[in-house]
C-alpha atoms as a PDB file:
ATOM      1  CA  UNK A   1      -8.965   5.068   8.221  1.00  0.00           C
ATOM      2  CA  UNK A   2      -7.862   1.575   6.752  1.00  0.00           C
ATOM      3  CA  UNK A   3      -7.249  -2.232   7.524  1.00  0.00           C
ATOM      4  CA  UNK A   4      -3.869  -3.679   8.529  1.00  0.00           C
ATOM      5  CA  UNK A   5      -4.903  -6.650   8.799  1.00  0.00           C
ATOM      6  CA  UNK A   6      -8.199  -9.259   8.749  1.00  0.00           C
ATOM      7  CA  UNK A   7      -9.263 -12.485   9.504  1.00  0.00           C
ATOM      8  CA  UNK A   8     -12.188 -14.459   8.979  1.00  0.00           C
ATOM      9  CA  UNK A   9     -12.675 -17.387  10.984  1.00  0.00           C
ATOM     10  CA  UNK A  10     -15.570 -19.710  10.291  1.00  0.00           C
ATOM     11  CA  UNK A  11     -16.875 -17.859   7.955  1.00  0.00           C
ATOM     12  CA  UNK A  12     -18.984 -16.295  10.383  1.00  0.00           C
ATOM     13  CA  UNK A  13     -16.160 -14.258  12.534  1.00  0.00           C
ATOM     14  CA  UNK A  14     -13.640 -11.743  11.545  1.00  0.00           C
ATOM     15  CA  UNK A  15     -10.429 -10.421  13.728  1.00  0.00           C
ATOM     16  CA  UNK A  16      -9.424  -6.801  11.993  1.00  0.00           C
ATOM     17  CA  UNK A  17      -6.682  -4.207  13.142  1.00  0.00           C
ATOM     18  CA  UNK A  18      -8.040  -1.116  12.123  1.00  0.00           C
ATOM     19  CA  UNK A  19      -5.415   1.877  11.792  1.00  0.00           C
ATOM     20  CA  UNK A  20      -6.924   5.429  12.813  1.00  0.00           C
ATOM     21  CA  UNK A  21      -5.191   8.578  13.151  1.00  0.00           C
ATOM     22  CA  UNK A  22      -5.143   7.847  16.827  1.00  0.00           C
ATOM     23  CA  UNK A  23      -3.609   4.452  16.787  1.00  0.00           C
ATOM     24  CA  UNK A  24      -4.823   0.370  15.900  1.00  0.00           C
ATOM     25  CA  UNK A  25      -8.074  -0.659  16.730  1.00  0.00           C
ATOM     26  CA  UNK A  26      -8.584  -4.297  17.282  1.00  0.00           C
ATOM     27  CA  UNK A  27     -12.099  -5.224  16.466  1.00  0.00           C
ATOM     28  CA  UNK A  28     -13.948  -8.435  16.531  1.00  0.00           C
ATOM     29  CA  UNK A  29     -16.880  -8.648  14.968  1.00  0.00           C
ATOM     30  CA  UNK A  30     -19.569 -11.309  14.151  1.00  0.00           C
ATOM     31  CA  UNK A  31     -21.259 -11.259  10.388  1.00  0.00           C
ATOM     32  CA  UNK A  32     -23.986 -12.778   8.706  1.00  0.00           C
ATOM     33  CA  UNK A  33     -25.879 -12.955   5.608  1.00  0.00           C
ATOM     34  CA  UNK A  34     -29.343 -11.776   7.196  1.00  0.00           C
ATOM     35  CA  UNK A  35     -27.708  -8.984   9.670  1.00  0.00           C
ATOM     36  CA  UNK A  36     -25.435  -6.380   9.086  1.00  0.00           C
ATOM     37  CA  UNK A  37     -22.062  -6.358  10.491  1.00  0.00           C
ATOM     38  CA  UNK A  38     -21.905  -6.781  14.514  1.00  0.00           C
ATOM     39  CA  UNK A  39     -18.963  -5.331  16.000  1.00  0.00           C
ATOM     40  CA  UNK A  40     -18.355  -7.785  18.991  1.00  0.00           C
ATOM     41  CA  UNK A  41     -15.273  -5.850  20.886  1.00  0.00           C
ATOM     42  CA  UNK A  42     -12.872  -3.100  20.020  1.00  0.00           C
ATOM     43  CA  UNK A  43      -9.775  -2.467  22.037  1.00  0.00           C
ATOM     44  CA  UNK A  44      -6.747  -0.343  21.329  1.00  0.00           C
ATOM     45  CA  UNK A  45      -3.640  -2.332  20.383  1.00  0.00           C
ATOM     46  CA  UNK A  46      -1.361  -0.071  22.174  1.00  0.00           C
ATOM     47  CA  UNK A  47      -2.961  -0.047  25.499  1.00  0.00           C
ATOM     48  CA  UNK A  48      -5.586  -2.620  25.223  1.00  0.00           C
ATOM     49  CA  UNK A  49      -8.207  -0.112  26.683  1.00  0.00           C
ATOM     50  CA  UNK A  50     -11.518   0.110  25.375  1.00  0.00           C
ATOM     51  CA  UNK A  51     -12.084   1.954  21.913  1.00  0.00           C
ATOM     52  CA  UNK A  52     -16.129   1.247  21.866  1.00  0.00           C
ATOM     53  CA  UNK A  53     -16.613   5.205  22.229  1.00  0.00           C
ATOM     54  CA  UNK A  54     -14.443   5.500  18.793  1.00  0.00           C
ATOM     55  CA  UNK A  55     -16.252   2.760  16.743  1.00  0.00           C
ATOM     56  CA  UNK A  56     -19.583   4.081  17.546  1.00  0.00           C
ATOM     57  CA  UNK A  57     -18.104   7.340  16.509  1.00  0.00           C
ATOM     58  CA  UNK A  58     -16.972   5.813  13.351  1.00  0.00           C
ATOM     59  CA  UNK A  59     -19.677   3.116  12.818  1.00  0.00           C
ATOM     60  CA  UNK A  60     -20.430   3.341   9.284  1.00  0.00           C
ATOM     61  CA  UNK A  61     -16.868   3.980   8.409  1.00  0.00           C
ATOM     62  CA  UNK A  62     -15.463   0.850  10.407  1.00  0.00           C
ATOM     63  CA  UNK A  63     -18.260  -1.186   9.297  1.00  0.00           C
ATOM     64  CA  UNK A  64     -17.972  -0.154   5.237  1.00  0.00           C
ATOM     65  CA  UNK A  65     -13.929  -1.026   5.555  1.00  0.00           C
ATOM     66  CA  UNK A  66     -14.650  -4.740   7.102  1.00  0.00           C
ATOM     67  CA  UNK A  67     -17.740  -5.216   4.239  1.00  0.00           C
ATOM     68  CA  UNK A  68     -14.944  -3.951   1.878  1.00  0.00           C
ATOM     69  CA  UNK A  69     -11.987  -5.929   2.891  1.00  0.00           C
ATOM     70  CA  UNK A  70     -14.080  -9.059   2.601  1.00  0.00           C
ATOM     71  CA  UNK A  71     -15.530  -8.639  -0.577  1.00  0.00           C
ATOM     72  CA  UNK A  72     -12.414  -8.786  -2.018  1.00  0.00           C
ATOM     73  CA  UNK A  73     -10.959 -11.534   0.057  1.00  0.00           C
ATOM     74  CA  UNK A  74     -14.022 -13.157  -1.696  1.00  0.00           C
ATOM     75  CA  UNK A  75     -12.683 -12.158  -5.128  1.00  0.00           C
END
């Protein structure tokens, strides 16, 4: 998996496109310095169908990718 694109809105919300082996997932997440990243929604870009099951199975990897990308943006 890798991040296709990522946007940070108001320093609190993340919109990311995650490239997987089966397609691209659009992820919306909330970030905070107090709690870990909370994924609000995840949908397959091609179909608009819910991708929550895929995200749940790969949660640590997705959260790690988003965290890494945000750290690179802050540099």
